[in-house]
Amino acid sequence: MQYFDVSVGAARYSVRVLGSEEDAGAKRPQAEWIANDRFPTRKLDGGSSTRFVLPNVQLQPGDRLVVEGTPDAEETAGLDYVEVRRVRQ
């Protein structure tokens, strides 16, 4: 996940995998982190862009990846993008 971590708060993020619409149950894995690094900027820009890597996520057809951000103070919990890579076994 590429997200923004500015110097005016500590937003919280979480990521989880949900099953298909029919399944609807939460699946593994789950991760949570706090964006509390101190980058020298108050703006969502290249200076505050950072990354959280969640390795070895097992996805099945129909699974949904959910990323949630909770703002704190002036930190908006900005999310840039999510990259999913297929790993060949």
C-alpha atoms as a PDB file:
ATOM      1  CA  MET A   1       0.000   0.000   0.000  1.00  0.00           C
ATOM      2  CA  GLN A   2       1.362   3.389  -0.940  1.00  0.00           C
ATOM      3  CA  TYR A   3       0.009   6.021   1.420  1.00  0.00           C
ATOM      4  CA  PHE A   4       0.815   9.474   2.757  1.00  0.00           C
ATOM      5  CA  ASP A   5       2.211  10.197   6.213  1.00  0.00           C
ATOM      6  CA  VAL A   6       2.364  13.897   6.999  1.00  0.00           C
ATOM      7  CA  SER A   7       3.807  15.616  10.060  1.00  0.00           C
ATOM      8  CA  VAL A   8       0.542  16.774  11.647  1.00  0.00           C
ATOM      9  CA  GLY A   9      -1.045  13.638  13.078  1.00  0.00           C
ATOM     10  CA  ALA A  10      -0.944   9.857  13.265  1.00  0.00           C
ATOM     11  CA  ALA A  11      -3.609   8.316  11.041  1.00  0.00           C
ATOM     12  CA  ARG A  12      -4.459   4.639  11.504  1.00  0.00           C
ATOM     13  CA  TYR A  13      -4.764   2.124   8.697  1.00  0.00           C
ATOM     14  CA  SER A  14      -6.039  -1.424   8.497  1.00  0.00           C
ATOM     15  CA  VAL A  15      -6.168  -3.989   5.717  1.00  0.00           C
ATOM     16  CA  ARG A  16      -8.099  -7.226   5.491  1.00  0.00           C
ATOM     17  CA  VAL A  17      -9.222  -9.745   2.934  1.00  0.00           C
ATOM     18  CA  LEU A  18     -12.935 -10.434   2.651  1.00  0.00           C
ATOM     19  CA  GLY A  19     -14.424 -13.457   0.996  1.00  0.00           C
ATOM     20  CA  SER A  20     -16.629 -13.267  -2.046  1.00  0.00           C
ATOM     21  CA  GLU A  21     -20.046 -11.575  -1.847  1.00  0.00           C
ATOM     22  CA  GLU A  22     -21.642 -14.942  -1.088  1.00  0.00           C
ATOM     23  CA  ASP A  23     -18.992 -15.842   1.511  1.00  0.00           C
ATOM     24  CA  ALA A  24     -18.874 -12.313   3.063  1.00  0.00           C
ATOM     25  CA  GLY A  25     -16.722 -13.497   5.959  1.00  0.00           C
ATOM     26  CA  ALA A  26     -13.427 -11.870   6.941  1.00  0.00           C
ATOM     27  CA  LYS A  27     -10.430 -13.896   5.833  1.00  0.00           C
ATOM     28  CA  ARG A  28      -6.760 -13.796   6.632  1.00  0.00           C
ATOM     29  CA  PRO A  29      -4.548 -11.823   6.931  1.00  0.00           C
ATOM     30  CA  GLN A  30      -5.242  -8.693   8.848  1.00  0.00           C
ATOM     31  CA  ALA A  31      -2.787  -5.891   9.476  1.00  0.00           C
ATOM     32  CA  GLU A  32      -2.978  -2.552  11.238  1.00  0.00           C
ATOM     33  CA  TRP A  33      -0.446   0.243  11.453  1.00  0.00           C
ATOM     34  CA  ILE A  34      -0.130   3.846  12.571  1.00  0.00           C
ATOM     35  CA  ALA A  35       1.260   6.454  10.183  1.00  0.00           C
ATOM     36  CA  ASN A  36       3.469   8.200  12.728  1.00  0.00           C
ATOM     37  CA  ASP A  37       6.759   8.669  10.895  1.00  0.00           C
ATOM     38  CA  ARG A  38       7.852  12.284  10.844  1.00  0.00           C
ATOM     39  CA  PHE A  39       8.270  13.382   7.262  1.00  0.00           C
ATOM     40  CA  PRO A  40       9.058  17.100   6.893  1.00  0.00           C
ATOM     41  CA  THR A  41       5.850  18.057   5.106  1.00  0.00           C
ATOM     42  CA  ARG A  42       2.220  18.822   5.853  1.00  0.00           C
ATOM     43  CA  LYS A  43       1.075  18.059   2.298  1.00  0.00           C
ATOM     44  CA  LEU A  44       0.092  14.895   0.434  1.00  0.00           C
ATOM     45  CA  ASP A  45       3.001  14.866  -1.992  1.00  0.00           C
ATOM     46  CA  GLY A  46       6.177  12.993  -2.877  1.00  0.00           C
ATOM     47  CA  GLY A  47       7.761  14.103   0.395  1.00  0.00           C
ATOM     48  CA  SER A  48       5.129  12.330   2.500  1.00  0.00           C
ATOM     49  CA  SER A  49       4.598   9.275   0.290  1.00  0.00           C
ATOM     50  CA  THR A  50       5.545   6.002   1.971  1.00  0.00           C
ATOM     51  CA  ARG A  51       4.758   2.304   1.767  1.00  0.00           C
ATOM     52  CA  PHE A  52       3.425  -0.556   3.862  1.00  0.00           C
ATOM     53  CA  VAL A  53       4.130  -4.058   2.521  1.00  0.00           C
ATOM     54  CA  LEU A  54       1.999  -7.018   3.481  1.00  0.00           C
ATOM     55  CA  PRO A  55       3.736 -10.089   2.041  1.00  0.00           C
ATOM     56  CA  ASN A  56       2.327 -13.514   1.237  1.00  0.00           C
ATOM     57  CA  VAL A  57      -1.356 -12.631   1.012  1.00  0.00           C
ATOM     58  CA  GLN A  58      -3.301 -15.598  -0.325  1.00  0.00           C
ATOM     59  CA  LEU A  59      -6.213 -14.460  -2.481  1.00  0.00           C
ATOM     60  CA  GLN A  60      -8.895 -16.622  -4.045  1.00  0.00           C
ATOM     61  CA  PRO A  61     -11.124 -15.695  -6.996  1.00  0.00           C
ATOM     62  CA  GLY A  62     -13.823 -13.344  -5.745  1.00  0.00           C
ATOM     63  CA  ASP A  63     -11.937 -12.189  -2.627  1.00  0.00           C
ATOM     64  CA  ARG A  64     -12.009  -8.473  -1.847  1.00  0.00           C
ATOM     65  CA  LEU A  65      -9.129  -6.501  -0.370  1.00  0.00           C
ATOM     66  CA  VAL A  66     -10.278  -3.728   1.979  1.00  0.00           C
ATOM     67  CA  VAL A  67      -8.005  -0.905   3.158  1.00  0.00           C
ATOM     68  CA  GLU A  68      -9.423   1.544   5.688  1.00  0.00           C
ATOM     69  CA  GLY A  69      -7.829   4.754   6.906  1.00  0.00           C
ATOM     70  CA  THR A  70      -8.854   6.706   9.998  1.00  0.00           C
ATOM     71  CA  PRO A  71      -7.733  10.355  10.044  1.00  0.00           C
ATOM     72  CA  ASP A  72      -6.059  11.966  13.056  1.00  0.00           C
ATOM     73  CA  ALA A  73      -5.786  15.716  13.629  1.00  0.00           C
ATOM     74  CA  GLU A  74      -4.833  17.211  10.238  1.00  0.00           C
ATOM     75  CA  GLU A  75      -3.560  13.884   8.882  1.00  0.00           C
ATOM     76  CA  THR A  76      -6.223  12.736   6.426  1.00  0.00           C
ATOM     77  CA  ALA A  77      -5.216   9.049   6.044  1.00  0.00           C
ATOM     78  CA  GLY A  78      -4.510   9.578   2.356  1.00  0.00           C
ATOM     79  CA  LEU A  79      -4.105   6.397   0.297  1.00  0.00           C
ATOM     80  CA  ASP A  80      -2.320   6.575  -3.053  1.00  0.00           C
ATOM     81  CA  TYR A  81      -2.595   3.033  -4.429  1.00  0.00           C
ATOM     82  CA  VAL A  82      -2.591  -0.681  -3.656  1.00  0.00           C
ATOM     83  CA  GLU A  83      -0.342  -2.979  -5.659  1.00  0.00           C
ATOM     84  CA  VAL A  84      -1.041  -6.689  -5.872  1.00  0.00           C
ATOM     85  CA  ARG A  85       1.599  -8.938  -7.377  1.00  0.00           C
ATOM     86  CA  ARG A  86       1.202 -12.538  -8.397  1.00  0.00           C
ATOM     87  CA  VAL A  87       3.923 -14.757  -7.009  1.00  0.00           C
ATOM     88  CA  ARG A  88       4.676 -17.873  -8.962  1.00  0.00           C
ATOM     89  CA  GLN A  89       5.321 -20.982  -6.937  1.00  0.00           C
END
